[in-house]
Amino acid sequence: SGDYFKKPNYINQFRDNPPDLLHVGKATPILHMWGPVRMYQGENQWTGGPGHTLNWDNIALISPQALAKRIENIRNTLKRYHEIGIPAILPYISYHTVSGDHEKRLGFWEFYDKWDAYSRWAGTRPSRDPFDWLVVDIEGKFVGGSCGGYSPDYYAPLHRYRACINHPDWAEWHRRLIGMIAEVGYDGCFVDNCHPDPCYCRYCKAAFREWLRRKYGDLDTLNKAWWTAFWSHTYTEWDQVGSPAHEDIGRRHAIHGLALDWKRFCSDQTISLYKNEADILHELCPGIPVTTNAYGYCTSLIPRDYAEAVDVAAWDCYVDYH
């Protein structure tokens, strides 16, 4: 995606037959997982990419002055591509990846420590460290990795982390990113891989209980729906209702109603995050399309709800090699 913004003549290949929609990758003002760095590309291909080693120059933090120039370059480049007849240009962001090293304060953590220098664009620095934003397991320990493990070869010695979509700081960070995308002149956004990522942090537990309150109204109704008396596990206080351990879902000793509602909740929360981001874009740029990708091995989203949320249905065909 960097070629669109770094090579002035790259536009020539589109002049005779401008596409109806142009996807330019993760060429956003600030990259969601690294912060304001030199590269325009996505988190895999030019970080080093599969089969390569980490390119430190690509992920070097740029100065606020350089960021201002980068934003102006994106704005001017989009204008040039619009002028040749391309009506819709959009980037994409991942809804849950953070990169760097939380202990050595590298990658996104370096940006967080220097956040105030970029507050003109990034807003006020969140009070909680990004390590607090991460997905945790049933014991409260952070779950490393996303789409390739905690430290894929092409990230080493840094790591790729998963952020919890219910964490208020992560949600606010994404709202700011979406605002920047709209403000520089994009016509939409592709929110990548919006699939549930089970987390057991305090925010997810609280959100789950609130979701159950809205669905059932009271504990008597919940107990009847889940048939908890059969399992000698009647709930008498909402705080007693916990989230099922990932390994318990589907097992015979799990409360089936709890396991099923947890999956429904995870789907609803993922779609809710997507809708919140789409609403920002629709407000700033009325009429623009917003979508995310569905794909075969993602069976954790409720298809009907996904279809109602997106402006354009998108299918990501990941091929299983034989």
Protein backbone atom coordinates (compact mmCIF):
# COMPACT_ATOMS: atom_id res chain seq x y z
CA SER A 1 0.00 0.00 0.00
CA GLY A 2 2.96 2.34 0.41
CA ASP A 3 3.36 2.62 -3.35
CA TYR A 4 0.14 4.63 -3.64
CA PHE A 5 1.59 7.32 -1.39
CA LYS A 6 5.30 7.14 -2.12
CA LYS A 7 5.39 6.77 -5.91
CA PRO A 8 3.74 9.68 -7.80
CA ASN A 9 3.53 7.69 -11.05
CA TYR A 10 1.82 4.71 -9.44
CA ILE A 11 -1.50 6.33 -10.28
CA ASN A 12 -0.94 5.93 -14.05
CA GLN A 13 -2.01 2.28 -14.10
CA PHE A 14 -5.52 3.35 -13.06
CA ARG A 15 -6.09 6.29 -15.41
CA ASP A 16 -7.61 4.41 -18.36
CA ASN A 17 -9.83 2.12 -16.28
CA PRO A 18 -10.38 3.58 -12.81
CA PRO A 19 -11.97 1.00 -10.50
CA ASP A 20 -15.22 1.63 -8.65
CA LEU A 21 -13.48 0.85 -5.38
CA LEU A 22 -9.79 0.97 -4.49
CA HIS A 23 -8.47 -0.78 -1.38
CA VAL A 24 -5.09 0.67 -0.35
CA GLY A 25 -4.27 -1.48 2.68
CA LYS A 26 -3.36 -0.06 6.08
CA ALA A 27 -2.23 3.35 4.84
CA THR A 28 -3.76 5.27 7.74
CA PRO A 29 -2.43 8.41 9.45
CA ILE A 30 -1.44 6.39 12.54
CA LEU A 31 -1.21 2.59 12.42
CA HIS A 32 -3.49 1.02 14.99
CA MET A 33 -0.93 -1.54 16.18
CA TRP A 34 2.36 0.43 16.01
CA GLY A 35 1.39 4.10 16.30
CA PRO A 36 2.84 6.85 14.05
CA VAL A 37 5.62 4.95 12.26
CA ARG A 38 7.36 5.23 8.89
CA MET A 39 5.65 2.45 6.99
CA TYR A 40 2.32 2.80 5.24
CA GLN A 41 1.83 -0.94 4.86
CA GLY A 42 0.02 -3.55 6.91
CA GLU A 43 1.13 -5.49 9.93
CA ASN A 44 2.41 -8.56 8.08
CA GLN A 45 3.75 -7.79 4.63
CA TRP A 46 6.23 -5.05 5.35
CA THR A 47 6.91 -5.48 9.01
CA GLY A 48 9.26 -7.99 7.50
CA GLY A 49 6.51 -10.34 6.49
CA PRO A 50 6.31 -14.14 6.60
CA GLY A 51 9.71 -15.54 5.68
CA HIS A 52 11.51 -12.31 6.57
CA THR A 53 12.96 -10.71 9.67
CA LEU A 54 11.68 -7.63 11.44
CA ASN A 55 12.41 -4.38 9.60
CA TRP A 56 13.24 -1.91 12.38
CA ASP A 57 13.36 1.03 10.00
CA ASN A 58 9.76 0.45 8.93
CA ILE A 59 8.42 0.59 12.47
CA ALA A 60 10.53 3.51 13.70
CA LEU A 61 8.45 6.18 15.41
CA ILE A 62 8.29 9.40 13.38
CA SER A 63 8.27 12.93 14.79
CA PRO A 64 5.06 14.96 15.16
CA GLN A 65 6.30 17.16 12.29
CA ALA A 66 6.77 14.09 10.08
CA LEU A 67 3.30 12.86 11.03
CA ALA A 68 1.78 16.17 9.93
CA LYS A 69 3.52 15.77 6.55
CA ARG A 70 2.37 12.14 6.29
CA ILE A 71 -1.25 13.16 6.88
CA GLU A 72 -0.98 15.91 4.26
CA ASN A 73 0.53 13.41 1.81
CA ILE A 74 -2.33 10.97 2.37
CA ARG A 75 -4.89 13.75 1.92
CA ASN A 76 -3.29 15.02 -1.32
CA THR A 77 -2.80 11.53 -2.74
CA LEU A 78 -6.43 10.59 -2.14
CA LYS A 79 -7.49 13.79 -3.90
CA ARG A 80 -5.39 12.87 -6.96
CA TYR A 81 -6.92 9.40 -7.16
CA HIS A 82 -10.42 10.80 -6.79
CA GLU A 83 -9.76 13.26 -9.61
CA ILE A 84 -9.08 10.45 -12.14
CA GLY A 85 -12.50 8.99 -11.45
CA ILE A 86 -12.15 6.55 -8.55
CA PRO A 87 -15.25 7.17 -6.42
CA ALA A 88 -14.42 5.08 -3.35
CA ILE A 89 -11.03 4.58 -1.70
CA LEU A 90 -10.66 2.85 1.64
CA PRO A 91 -7.99 1.50 3.97
CA TYR A 92 -8.35 -1.20 6.55
CA ILE A 93 -7.59 -1.60 10.22
CA SER A 94 -7.54 -4.67 12.46
CA TYR A 95 -9.92 -4.57 15.34
CA HIS A 96 -7.72 -6.33 17.87
CA THR A 97 -3.95 -6.33 17.22
CA VAL A 98 -1.21 -4.47 19.12
CA SER A 99 2.48 -4.93 18.39
CA GLY A 100 5.74 -4.38 20.24
CA ASP A 101 7.14 -5.43 23.62
CA HIS A 102 5.36 -4.40 26.80
CA GLU A 103 8.39 -5.02 29.01
CA LYS A 104 11.00 -3.28 26.84
CA ARG A 105 8.52 -0.49 25.95
CA LEU A 106 8.94 -0.95 22.21
CA GLY A 107 6.46 -0.67 19.35
CA PHE A 108 3.05 0.55 20.49
CA TRP A 109 4.39 0.96 24.03
CA GLU A 110 7.01 3.45 22.84
CA PHE A 111 4.21 5.43 21.20
CA TYR A 112 2.14 5.25 24.40
CA ASP A 113 5.04 6.60 26.47
CA LYS A 114 5.40 9.53 24.03
CA TRP A 115 1.66 9.92 23.42
CA ASP A 116 1.43 13.54 24.51
CA ALA A 117 3.65 14.63 21.61
CA TYR A 118 0.96 13.32 19.21
CA SER A 119 -2.11 14.38 21.19
CA ARG A 120 -3.11 16.81 18.41
CA TRP A 121 -4.21 13.74 16.46
CA ALA A 122 -4.40 10.94 19.02
CA GLY A 123 -6.22 12.89 21.73
CA THR A 124 -5.59 12.60 25.45
CA ARG A 125 -3.41 9.67 26.47
CA PRO A 126 -5.43 6.84 28.03
CA SER A 127 -4.73 6.46 31.74
CA ARG A 128 -4.26 2.69 31.65
CA ASP A 129 -1.19 1.12 30.07
CA PRO A 130 -1.87 -0.83 26.84
CA PHE A 131 -0.89 -4.03 28.66
CA ASP A 132 -4.15 -3.60 30.58
CA TRP A 133 -6.02 -3.58 27.25
CA LEU A 134 -5.07 -7.15 26.37
CA VAL A 135 -7.20 -10.28 26.21
CA VAL A 136 -6.84 -12.43 29.35
CA ASP A 137 -7.72 -16.03 30.12
CA ILE A 138 -10.01 -17.35 32.83
CA GLU A 139 -7.21 -16.90 35.40
CA GLY A 140 -6.60 -13.29 34.39
CA LYS A 141 -3.32 -13.95 32.56
CA PHE A 142 -2.84 -12.17 29.25
CA VAL A 143 -3.21 -14.29 26.13
CA GLY A 144 -0.38 -13.64 23.72
CA GLY A 145 -0.55 -13.77 19.98
CA SER A 146 -2.98 -13.21 17.18
CA CYS A 147 -3.19 -14.96 13.82
CA GLY A 148 0.23 -16.55 14.05
CA GLY A 149 1.25 -16.74 17.67
CA TYR A 150 2.60 -14.42 20.32
CA SER A 151 5.89 -13.92 18.50
CA PRO A 152 5.64 -14.88 14.81
CA ASP A 153 9.04 -15.32 13.16
CA TYR A 154 8.59 -12.11 11.19
CA TYR A 155 7.91 -10.14 14.40
CA ALA A 156 10.79 -11.50 16.47
CA PRO A 157 12.10 -10.28 18.82
CA LEU A 158 8.88 -8.25 19.19
CA HIS A 159 5.38 -9.66 19.60
CA ARG A 160 1.85 -9.34 18.36
CA TYR A 161 -0.82 -9.08 21.04
CA ARG A 162 -4.62 -9.27 21.14
CA ALA A 163 -6.57 -6.37 22.60
CA CYS A 164 -9.92 -6.80 24.33
CA ILE A 165 -12.69 -5.12 22.35
CA ASN A 166 -14.61 -4.41 25.57
CA HIS A 167 -11.79 -2.44 27.14
CA PRO A 168 -12.87 1.23 27.13
CA ASP A 169 -9.39 2.53 26.26
CA TRP A 170 -9.06 0.25 23.24
CA ALA A 171 -12.55 1.19 22.07
CA GLU A 172 -11.73 4.90 22.44
CA TRP A 173 -8.44 4.46 20.57
CA HIS A 174 -10.33 2.88 17.68
CA ARG A 175 -12.88 5.69 17.64
CA ARG A 176 -10.04 8.18 17.24
CA LEU A 177 -8.47 6.12 14.47
CA ILE A 178 -11.76 5.98 12.58
CA GLY A 179 -12.12 9.75 12.93
CA MET A 180 -8.65 10.29 11.45
CA ILE A 181 -9.44 7.97 8.54
CA ALA A 182 -12.54 9.97 7.66
CA GLU A 183 -10.87 13.34 8.14
CA VAL A 184 -8.04 12.71 5.66
CA GLY A 185 -10.49 11.99 2.84
CA TYR A 186 -11.09 8.26 2.70
CA ASP A 187 -14.50 7.10 1.50
CA GLY A 188 -14.95 4.19 3.84
CA CYS A 189 -13.10 1.63 5.91
CA PHE A 190 -12.65 -2.11 6.01
CA VAL A 191 -12.49 -3.36 9.61
CA ASP A 192 -10.42 -6.53 9.32
CA ASN A 193 -11.22 -9.89 10.92
CA CYS A 194 -14.12 -8.88 13.14
CA HIS A 195 -14.52 -12.25 14.79
CA PRO A 196 -15.10 -12.90 18.49
CA ASP A 197 -11.96 -13.16 20.59
CA PRO A 198 -13.06 -14.60 23.98
CA CYS A 199 -11.70 -12.63 26.92
CA TYR A 200 -12.32 -13.00 30.63
CA CYS A 201 -11.24 -9.59 31.90
CA ARG A 202 -13.27 -7.49 34.34
CA TYR A 203 -14.81 -5.51 31.49
CA CYS A 204 -15.99 -8.61 29.64
CA LYS A 205 -17.45 -10.15 32.78
CA ALA A 206 -19.35 -6.96 33.59
CA ALA A 207 -20.53 -6.59 30.00
CA PHE A 208 -21.72 -10.22 29.96
CA ARG A 209 -23.78 -9.77 33.11
CA GLU A 210 -25.33 -6.59 31.70
CA TRP A 211 -26.11 -8.43 28.45
CA LEU A 212 -27.86 -11.16 30.47
CA ARG A 213 -29.82 -8.57 32.47
CA ARG A 214 -31.13 -7.06 29.25
CA LYS A 215 -32.05 -10.45 27.84
CA TYR A 216 -33.67 -12.09 30.88
CA GLY A 217 -34.59 -9.20 33.16
CA ASP A 218 -34.22 -11.17 36.39
CA LEU A 219 -32.45 -14.22 37.79
CA ASP A 220 -35.61 -16.35 38.07
CA THR A 221 -36.10 -16.12 34.31
CA LEU A 222 -32.42 -16.86 33.69
CA ASN A 223 -32.45 -19.88 36.01
CA LYS A 224 -35.48 -21.33 34.25
CA ALA A 225 -34.02 -20.72 30.78
CA TRP A 226 -30.72 -22.34 31.73
CA TRP A 227 -32.37 -25.13 33.77
CA THR A 228 -29.88 -24.42 36.51
CA ALA A 229 -31.81 -26.42 39.14
CA PHE A 230 -30.96 -29.59 37.24
CA TRP A 231 -27.28 -28.80 37.71
CA SER A 232 -27.73 -27.75 41.39
CA HIS A 233 -26.41 -24.36 40.38
CA THR A 234 -29.26 -21.92 40.92
CA TYR A 235 -28.06 -18.31 40.84
CA THR A 236 -29.23 -15.98 43.60
CA GLU A 237 -27.02 -12.95 42.83
CA TRP A 238 -25.91 -11.54 39.48
CA ASP A 239 -22.31 -11.46 40.66
CA GLN A 240 -22.43 -15.26 40.86
CA VAL A 241 -22.81 -15.49 37.10
CA GLY A 242 -19.42 -15.92 35.51
CA SER A 243 -18.17 -16.54 32.01
CA PRO A 244 -17.48 -20.16 31.06
CA ALA A 245 -13.87 -21.21 30.64
CA HIS A 246 -13.06 -21.58 26.95
CA GLU A 247 -12.21 -25.25 27.38
CA ASP A 248 -15.54 -25.86 29.17
CA ILE A 249 -17.73 -24.67 26.32
CA GLY A 250 -19.40 -27.68 24.77
CA ARG A 251 -18.33 -30.12 27.47
CA ARG A 252 -20.92 -32.15 29.31
CA HIS A 253 -20.24 -30.55 32.70
CA ALA A 254 -20.84 -27.03 31.41
CA ILE A 255 -24.19 -25.31 31.87
CA HIS A 256 -25.37 -25.43 28.30
CA GLY A 257 -27.43 -22.25 28.51
CA LEU A 258 -24.43 -20.36 29.92
CA ALA A 259 -22.11 -21.67 27.18
CA LEU A 260 -24.60 -20.82 24.43
CA ASP A 261 -25.34 -17.34 25.75
CA TRP A 262 -21.61 -16.66 26.12
CA LYS A 263 -21.14 -17.40 22.43
CA ARG A 264 -24.11 -15.18 21.55
CA PHE A 265 -22.68 -12.42 23.77
CA CYS A 266 -19.23 -12.64 22.11
CA SER A 267 -20.87 -12.33 18.68
CA ASP A 268 -23.01 -9.38 19.81
CA GLN A 269 -20.06 -7.54 21.35
CA THR A 270 -17.96 -7.94 18.22
CA ILE A 271 -20.72 -6.64 15.99
CA SER A 272 -21.39 -3.82 18.46
CA LEU A 273 -17.76 -2.67 18.22
CA TYR A 274 -18.00 -2.77 14.44
CA LYS A 275 -21.24 -0.76 14.48
CA ASN A 276 -19.73 1.89 16.77
CA GLU A 277 -16.89 2.40 14.30
CA ALA A 278 -19.24 2.37 11.32
CA ASP A 279 -21.45 5.00 12.99
CA ILE A 280 -18.49 7.38 13.28
CA LEU A 281 -17.71 7.04 9.58
CA HIS A 282 -21.35 7.40 8.58
CA GLU A 283 -21.62 10.59 10.65
CA LEU A 284 -18.43 12.15 9.25
CA CYS A 285 -18.91 10.92 5.66
CA PRO A 286 -22.61 10.22 4.98
CA GLY A 287 -23.21 7.55 2.38
CA ILE A 288 -19.80 5.85 2.52
CA PRO A 289 -19.64 2.05 2.65
CA VAL A 290 -18.25 0.26 5.69
CA THR A 291 -17.70 -3.48 5.89
CA THR A 292 -15.75 -6.31 7.47
CA ASN A 293 -14.83 -9.74 6.18
CA ALA A 294 -16.60 -13.04 6.70
CA TYR A 295 -14.70 -16.25 6.05
CA GLY A 296 -15.22 -19.97 6.24
CA TYR A 297 -13.42 -20.91 9.43
CA CYS A 298 -15.02 -18.10 11.44
CA THR A 299 -18.11 -19.80 12.85
CA SER A 300 -18.42 -17.65 15.95
CA LEU A 301 -20.34 -14.72 14.42
CA ILE A 302 -24.11 -14.96 14.00
CA PRO A 303 -24.47 -14.60 10.19
CA ARG A 304 -27.87 -12.86 10.33
CA ASP A 305 -26.57 -10.16 12.67
CA TYR A 306 -23.40 -9.74 10.60
CA ALA A 307 -25.46 -9.29 7.42
CA GLU A 308 -27.62 -6.59 9.02
CA ALA A 309 -24.59 -4.66 10.29
CA VAL A 310 -22.49 -4.26 7.12
CA ASP A 311 -23.17 -1.93 4.21
CA VAL A 312 -21.57 -4.35 1.76
CA ALA A 313 -21.14 -8.07 2.38
CA ALA A 314 -17.50 -9.10 2.01
CA TRP A 315 -16.10 -12.63 1.77
CA ASP A 316 -12.48 -13.46 2.50
CA CYS A 317 -11.54 -16.70 0.74
CA TYR A 318 -8.76 -18.25 2.78
CA VAL A 319 -7.77 -21.40 0.92
CA ASP A 320 -6.95 -24.62 2.74
CA TYR A 321 -3.92 -26.12 1.01
CA HIS A 322 -3.73 -29.87 0.48
